[in-house]
N, C-alpha and C. Protein backbone atom coordinates (compact mmCIF):
# COMPACT_ATOMS: atom_id res chain seq x y z
N GLN A 1 15.69 -7.86 -11.93
CA GLN A 1 14.79 -8.75 -11.41
C GLN A 1 14.48 -7.22 -10.20
N VAL A 2 12.85 -6.63 -10.10
CA VAL A 2 12.53 -6.25 -9.71
C VAL A 2 10.94 -7.32 -8.57
N HIS A 3 11.63 -6.88 -7.05
CA HIS A 3 10.49 -7.34 -6.67
C HIS A 3 10.00 -6.35 -5.20
N LEU A 4 8.80 -6.99 -4.76
CA LEU A 4 8.39 -6.05 -3.67
C LEU A 4 7.95 -6.92 -2.32
N ARG A 5 7.94 -6.71 -1.33
CA ARG A 5 7.49 -8.25 0.13
C ARG A 5 7.15 -7.05 0.98
N GLU A 6 5.89 -7.13 1.17
CA GLU A 6 5.27 -6.34 2.42
C GLU A 6 5.91 -7.17 3.83
N SER A 7 5.61 -6.62 5.04
CA SER A 7 5.49 -6.91 5.67
C SER A 7 4.51 -6.02 7.14
N GLY A 8 4.30 -7.14 8.11
CA GLY A 8 3.84 -6.15 9.35
C GLY A 8 2.27 -6.41 9.66
N GLY A 9 1.96 -7.12 8.56
CA GLY A 9 0.51 -7.24 9.00
C GLY A 9 0.01 -8.82 9.99
N GLY A 10 -0.90 -8.03 10.26
CA GLY A 10 -1.83 -9.04 11.82
C GLY A 10 -2.85 -9.33 11.86
N SER A 11 -3.55 -9.96 13.31
CA SER A 11 -4.82 -10.02 13.90
C SER A 11 -3.93 -8.57 15.40
N VAL A 12 -5.11 -7.74 14.53
CA VAL A 12 -5.44 -7.05 15.96
C VAL A 12 -6.98 -6.75 16.13
N GLN A 13 -7.52 -6.09 17.28
CA GLN A 13 -8.65 -5.35 17.53
C GLN A 13 -9.19 -3.90 17.58
N ALA A 14 -10.09 -3.40 16.96
CA ALA A 14 -10.43 -2.15 16.50
C ALA A 14 -10.05 -1.75 17.37
N GLY A 15 -9.95 -0.47 16.34
CA GLY A 15 -8.61 0.66 17.26
C GLY A 15 -7.62 0.86 17.27
N GLU A 16 -7.11 -0.38 17.79
CA GLU A 16 -5.17 -0.78 17.19
C GLU A 16 -4.58 -0.21 15.65
N PRO A 17 -2.93 -0.14 16.21
CA PRO A 17 -2.52 1.20 15.30
C PRO A 17 -1.68 -0.73 14.53
N LEU A 18 -1.36 -0.44 13.43
CA LEU A 18 -0.53 -1.37 12.53
C LEU A 18 0.60 -0.71 11.29
N ARG A 19 1.46 -0.42 11.62
CA ARG A 19 2.91 -0.50 10.32
C ARG A 19 2.52 -1.07 9.13
N LEU A 20 2.56 -1.06 7.67
CA LEU A 20 3.35 -2.01 7.53
C LEU A 20 4.37 -1.61 6.96
N SER A 21 5.46 -1.92 5.65
CA SER A 21 6.28 -2.09 5.36
C SER A 21 6.51 -3.29 4.11
N CYS A 22 6.82 -2.40 3.07
CA CYS A 22 7.52 -3.16 1.38
C CYS A 22 8.37 -2.77 0.84
N ILE A 23 9.73 -3.50 1.54
CA ILE A 23 10.62 -3.10 0.65
C ILE A 23 11.08 -3.72 -0.90
N LEU A 24 11.34 -3.15 -1.24
CA LEU A 24 11.69 -2.36 -2.30
C LEU A 24 12.80 -2.98 -3.26
N SER A 25 13.05 -4.54 -3.88
CA SER A 25 14.62 -5.09 -4.04
C SER A 25 14.42 -4.57 -5.49
N GLY A 26 15.29 -4.43 -6.21
CA GLY A 26 16.09 -3.89 -7.65
C GLY A 26 15.34 -3.12 -7.54
N TYR A 27 14.62 -2.26 -7.47
CA TYR A 27 14.05 -1.03 -7.80
C TYR A 27 14.93 0.23 -7.64
N SER A 28 14.52 0.66 -8.91
CA SER A 28 15.26 1.93 -9.22
C SER A 28 15.27 2.53 -10.28
N TYR A 29 14.22 3.16 -9.62
CA TYR A 29 13.27 4.22 -10.69
C TYR A 29 13.57 5.63 -10.11
N THR A 30 13.82 6.55 -10.97
CA THR A 30 14.38 7.97 -10.08
C THR A 30 13.37 8.43 -9.60
N ARG A 31 11.88 7.93 -10.74
CA ARG A 31 11.11 8.93 -10.35
C ARG A 31 9.89 7.33 -10.89
N SER A 32 8.79 7.79 -9.21
CA SER A 32 7.94 6.84 -9.64
C SER A 32 6.62 7.24 -9.14
N CYS A 33 5.48 6.42 -9.29
CA CYS A 33 4.43 6.60 -8.15
C CYS A 33 4.75 4.99 -7.58
N MET A 34 3.74 4.65 -6.45
CA MET A 34 3.50 3.84 -5.69
C MET A 34 2.26 3.81 -4.70
N ALA A 35 1.93 3.07 -4.20
CA ALA A 35 0.59 2.26 -3.51
C ALA A 35 0.57 1.22 -2.81
N TRP A 36 -0.65 1.52 -2.55
CA TRP A 36 -0.83 0.34 -1.33
C TRP A 36 -2.45 0.01 -1.54
N PHE A 37 -2.32 -0.97 -2.56
CA PHE A 37 -3.86 -1.78 -2.05
C PHE A 37 -4.04 -3.18 -1.57
N ARG A 38 -5.67 -3.16 -1.28
CA ARG A 38 -6.11 -4.14 -0.24
C ARG A 38 -7.65 -4.51 -1.14
N GLN A 39 -7.40 -6.21 -0.86
CA GLN A 39 -8.39 -7.18 -1.33
C GLN A 39 -8.79 -7.85 0.25
N ALA A 40 -10.38 -7.95 -0.06
CA ALA A 40 -11.39 -8.51 1.06
C ALA A 40 -12.03 -10.18 -0.31
N PRO A 41 -11.87 -10.89 0.64
CA PRO A 41 -12.30 -11.78 -0.30
C PRO A 41 -13.90 -11.21 -0.69
N GLY A 42 -13.89 -11.99 -1.81
CA GLY A 42 -15.32 -11.40 -3.01
C GLY A 42 -14.61 -10.27 -3.37
N LYS A 43 -13.66 -9.07 -3.33
CA LYS A 43 -14.51 -8.07 -3.88
C LYS A 43 -12.89 -7.94 -4.55
N GLU A 44 -12.98 -6.89 -5.25
CA GLU A 44 -12.06 -6.66 -5.95
C GLU A 44 -11.06 -5.97 -5.48
N ARG A 45 -9.84 -5.85 -6.02
CA ARG A 45 -8.77 -5.34 -5.37
C ARG A 45 -8.64 -3.82 -5.71
N GLU A 46 -9.07 -2.84 -4.11
CA GLU A 46 -9.17 -1.25 -4.38
C GLU A 46 -7.79 -0.92 -4.28
N GLY A 47 -7.07 0.65 -4.64
CA GLY A 47 -6.14 1.61 -4.26
C GLY A 47 -7.09 2.22 -2.92
N VAL A 48 -6.20 1.69 -1.71
CA VAL A 48 -6.19 2.50 -0.64
C VAL A 48 -4.91 3.74 -0.42
N ALA A 49 -4.02 4.21 -0.04
CA ALA A 49 -3.26 5.57 -0.55
C ALA A 49 -2.32 5.47 -1.79
N VAL A 50 -2.14 6.41 -2.65
CA VAL A 50 -1.39 6.04 -2.99
C VAL A 50 -0.12 7.57 -3.09
N LEU A 51 1.03 7.80 -3.51
CA LEU A 51 2.12 8.56 -3.85
C LEU A 51 1.87 9.24 -5.21
N ASP A 52 2.09 9.70 -6.09
CA ASP A 52 1.86 10.04 -7.24
C ASP A 52 3.57 10.40 -7.27
N ALA A 53 3.95 10.20 -8.71
CA ALA A 53 5.43 10.43 -8.91
C ALA A 53 6.45 12.18 -8.15
N ASP A 54 4.90 12.73 -7.91
CA ASP A 54 5.44 14.41 -6.83
C ASP A 54 5.50 13.25 -5.25
N ALA A 55 5.66 12.42 -4.51
CA ALA A 55 4.61 12.80 -4.26
C ALA A 55 4.17 13.12 -3.00
N THR A 56 2.92 13.70 -4.37
CA THR A 56 1.53 13.98 -3.11
C THR A 56 0.61 12.48 -2.97
N ALA A 57 -0.04 12.86 -1.79
CA ALA A 57 -0.73 11.10 -1.29
C ALA A 57 -2.55 11.14 -1.36
N SER A 58 -2.61 10.60 -2.06
CA SER A 58 -3.93 10.69 -1.98
C SER A 58 -4.86 9.22 -0.90
N TYR A 59 -5.68 9.10 -0.56
CA TYR A 59 -6.28 8.09 -0.20
C TYR A 59 -7.55 8.12 -0.50
N VAL A 60 -8.15 7.09 -0.50
CA VAL A 60 -9.79 6.20 -0.72
C VAL A 60 -10.17 6.49 0.84
N ASP A 61 -11.45 7.09 0.34
CA ASP A 61 -12.55 8.08 1.43
C ASP A 61 -12.58 7.39 3.38
N SER A 62 -12.32 6.50 2.99
CA SER A 62 -12.96 5.37 3.89
C SER A 62 -11.23 5.33 4.84
N VAL A 63 -9.84 6.08 4.76
CA VAL A 63 -9.33 5.38 5.30
C VAL A 63 -8.52 6.76 5.85
N LYS A 64 -8.93 8.10 4.96
CA LYS A 64 -8.48 9.61 5.16
C LYS A 64 -8.98 9.99 6.70
N GLY A 65 -7.32 10.60 6.83
CA GLY A 65 -7.23 10.97 8.30
C GLY A 65 -7.28 9.25 9.40
N ARG A 66 -7.06 8.65 9.38
CA ARG A 66 -6.75 7.38 9.48
C ARG A 66 -5.42 6.74 9.28
N PHE A 67 -5.01 6.57 7.80
CA PHE A 67 -4.05 6.25 6.87
C PHE A 67 -2.51 6.97 6.51
N THR A 68 -1.43 6.43 6.96
CA THR A 68 -0.93 7.61 5.99
C THR A 68 0.20 6.69 5.41
N ILE A 69 0.56 6.74 3.71
CA ILE A 69 1.53 6.56 3.18
C ILE A 69 3.06 7.69 2.94
N SER A 70 3.98 6.51 3.13
CA SER A 70 5.24 7.27 2.96
C SER A 70 6.53 6.47 2.55
N VAL A 71 7.27 7.19 2.16
CA VAL A 71 8.92 6.46 1.68
C VAL A 71 9.87 6.53 2.05
N ASP A 72 10.47 5.70 2.97
CA ASP A 72 12.04 6.52 3.20
C ASP A 72 13.26 5.56 2.00
N ASN A 73 13.52 6.76 1.09
CA ASN A 73 14.08 6.36 -0.23
C ASN A 73 15.82 5.81 -0.06
N ALA A 74 15.75 6.22 0.99
CA ALA A 74 17.58 5.94 1.44
C ALA A 74 17.55 4.68 1.87
N GLU A 75 16.03 3.51 2.07
CA GLU A 75 15.43 2.28 3.27
C GLU A 75 15.25 1.93 1.88
N ARG A 76 14.88 2.19 1.26
CA ARG A 76 14.09 2.18 -0.13
C ARG A 76 12.41 0.80 0.61
N THR A 77 11.78 2.01 0.83
CA THR A 77 11.24 0.72 1.82
C THR A 77 9.60 1.96 1.84
N LEU A 78 7.96 1.44 1.02
CA LEU A 78 7.36 1.74 1.20
C LEU A 78 7.06 1.60 2.95
N TYR A 79 6.43 2.47 3.07
CA TYR A 79 5.22 2.36 4.73
C TYR A 79 3.82 2.77 4.49
N LEU A 80 3.03 1.97 5.32
CA LEU A 80 1.99 2.53 5.41
C LEU A 80 1.04 2.40 7.14
N ARG A 81 1.03 2.99 7.11
CA ARG A 81 1.05 3.20 8.66
C ARG A 81 -0.79 3.49 9.71
N MET A 82 -1.00 2.31 9.94
CA MET A 82 -2.98 1.93 9.70
C MET A 82 -3.05 2.29 11.40
N ASN A 83 -3.68 4.27 12.37
CA ASN A 83 -4.60 4.34 13.08
C ASN A 83 -5.48 3.52 13.02
N ASP A 84 -6.16 3.19 14.39
CA ASP A 84 -7.95 3.31 14.19
C ASP A 84 -8.59 2.47 13.12
N LEU A 85 -7.27 0.86 13.88
CA LEU A 85 -8.40 -0.06 12.30
C LEU A 85 -10.04 0.01 12.67
N LYS A 86 -9.90 -0.82 12.01
CA LYS A 86 -12.11 -1.37 12.21
C LYS A 86 -12.04 -2.31 11.41
N PRO A 87 -12.94 -3.53 11.53
CA PRO A 87 -13.39 -4.59 10.67
C PRO A 87 -13.93 -4.56 9.09
N GLU A 88 -13.52 -3.42 8.78
CA GLU A 88 -14.03 -3.46 7.04
C GLU A 88 -12.05 -3.36 6.72
N ASP A 89 -11.59 -3.09 7.63
CA ASP A 89 -9.93 -2.96 7.01
C ASP A 89 -9.82 -3.76 6.78
N THR A 90 -10.25 -5.37 6.85
CA THR A 90 -9.46 -6.72 7.08
C THR A 90 -9.13 -6.51 5.96
N ALA A 91 -7.97 -6.87 5.54
CA ALA A 91 -8.32 -7.57 4.14
C ALA A 91 -6.58 -7.87 4.00
N MET A 92 -6.40 -8.67 2.74
CA MET A 92 -4.47 -8.80 2.22
C MET A 92 -4.31 -7.12 1.46
N TYR A 93 -3.33 -7.21 1.20
CA TYR A 93 -2.67 -5.41 1.57
C TYR A 93 -1.47 -5.75 0.58
N TYR A 94 -1.32 -4.90 -0.37
CA TYR A 94 -0.13 -5.60 -1.70
C TYR A 94 0.08 -3.76 -1.46
N CYS A 95 1.62 -3.86 -1.67
CA CYS A 95 2.27 -2.75 -2.41
C CYS A 95 2.16 -2.55 -3.88
N ALA A 96 2.64 -1.22 -4.81
CA ALA A 96 2.16 -1.12 -5.79
C ALA A 96 4.12 -0.52 -6.51
N ALA A 97 4.59 -0.64 -6.94
CA ALA A 97 4.88 0.93 -7.76
C ALA A 97 4.83 0.22 -9.23
N ARG A 98 5.37 1.72 -9.79
CA ARG A 98 5.74 1.64 -11.66
C ARG A 98 5.99 3.26 -11.43
N ASN A 99 6.88 3.29 -13.07
CA ASN A 99 7.68 4.34 -13.73
C ASN A 99 6.98 5.79 -13.40
N TYR A 100 7.47 6.28 -13.75
CA TYR A 100 6.07 7.64 -13.01
C TYR A 100 5.73 7.91 -14.59
N LEU A 101 6.61 7.04 -15.74
CA LEU A 101 5.75 7.13 -17.51
C LEU A 101 4.49 7.01 -16.93
N TYR A 102 4.15 6.04 -16.26
CA TYR A 102 2.95 5.65 -16.46
C TYR A 102 1.18 5.86 -14.96
N CYS A 103 2.27 7.03 -14.46
CA CYS A 103 1.65 7.50 -13.03
C CYS A 103 0.22 8.27 -13.70
N SER A 104 -0.03 8.27 -15.02
CA SER A 104 -1.53 8.56 -15.08
C SER A 104 -1.70 8.25 -16.07
N ASN A 105 -1.71 6.64 -16.07
CA ASN A 105 -2.69 5.62 -16.46
C ASN A 105 -3.43 4.75 -14.89
N PRO A 106 -5.09 4.81 -15.15
CA PRO A 106 -5.47 4.33 -13.58
C PRO A 106 -5.60 3.14 -13.54
N ASP A 107 -4.71 2.37 -14.70
CA ASP A 107 -4.96 0.81 -14.62
C ASP A 107 -3.47 0.30 -14.35
N TRP A 108 -3.86 0.10 -12.44
CA TRP A 108 -2.67 -0.26 -11.96
C TRP A 108 -2.29 -1.57 -12.62
N GLU A 109 -3.45 -2.15 -12.40
CA GLU A 109 -3.38 -3.85 -12.70
C GLU A 109 -2.86 -4.31 -13.82
N ARG A 110 -2.23 -4.33 -14.88
CA ARG A 110 -1.85 -3.82 -16.00
C ARG A 110 0.11 -2.82 -15.70
N THR A 111 0.33 -1.79 -15.39
CA THR A 111 1.41 -1.05 -15.34
C THR A 111 2.41 -1.42 -14.49
N ALA A 112 1.62 -1.80 -13.01
CA ALA A 112 2.73 -1.94 -11.86
C ALA A 112 3.12 -3.00 -11.25
N TYR A 113 4.50 -2.88 -10.64
CA TYR A 113 4.41 -4.16 -9.72
C TYR A 113 4.66 -4.37 -8.58
N TRP A 114 3.83 -5.77 -8.12
CA TRP A 114 2.86 -6.14 -6.99
C TRP A 114 4.02 -7.09 -6.52
N GLY A 115 3.66 -7.15 -4.67
CA GLY A 115 4.15 -7.83 -3.74
C GLY A 115 3.05 -8.42 -3.63
N GLN A 116 3.43 -9.54 -2.81
CA GLN A 116 2.71 -10.76 -2.93
C GLN A 116 1.25 -10.59 -2.01
N GLY A 117 1.25 -9.89 -0.55
CA GLY A 117 0.95 -9.48 -0.02
C GLY A 117 1.40 -9.73 1.82
N THR A 118 0.37 -8.95 2.67
CA THR A 118 0.10 -9.03 4.24
C THR A 118 -1.16 -8.97 4.86
N GLN A 119 -0.84 -9.98 5.24
CA GLN A 119 -2.77 -10.23 5.75
C GLN A 119 -3.13 -9.50 6.59
N VAL A 120 -3.76 -8.31 6.96
CA VAL A 120 -4.05 -7.66 8.13
C VAL A 120 -5.85 -7.72 8.07
N THR A 121 -5.86 -8.58 9.79
CA THR A 121 -7.16 -9.26 10.42
C THR A 121 -7.45 -7.44 11.60
N VAL A 122 -8.36 -7.32 11.81
CA VAL A 122 -9.69 -6.77 12.68
C VAL A 122 -10.84 -7.28 13.03
N SER A 123 -11.13 -7.35 14.53
CA SER A 123 -11.81 -8.19 15.17
C SER A 123 -11.90 -6.89 15.97
N SER A 124 -13.11 -7.25 16.43
CA SER A 124 -14.43 -6.08 17.26
C SER A 124 -14.53 -6.95 18.87
């Protein structure tokens, strides 16, 4: 039974940092891709940061240079370090993971396991 649980969200002022964590329980994939998504009210869920099966990171343009995705395999925890937060970063943030066999499939919604989300609110 695979469970993903996010934590670390909260309310901060613009320019402040946050670090989100995602504990991967019951997750034993030897090769996988992992990601952080976010969803603001009235908008579709968008990919923010992705680690591919070879641990190569990619980011949506709006967070490049500010966010860093990483994974601690020993602790089975995925992280998203967010620096210089902006009001437009306000959203529910979700972690996702899937087997490497699916990593070339653009449809994360159907092929990934998902956490329940953690709220990030940034005020100016």
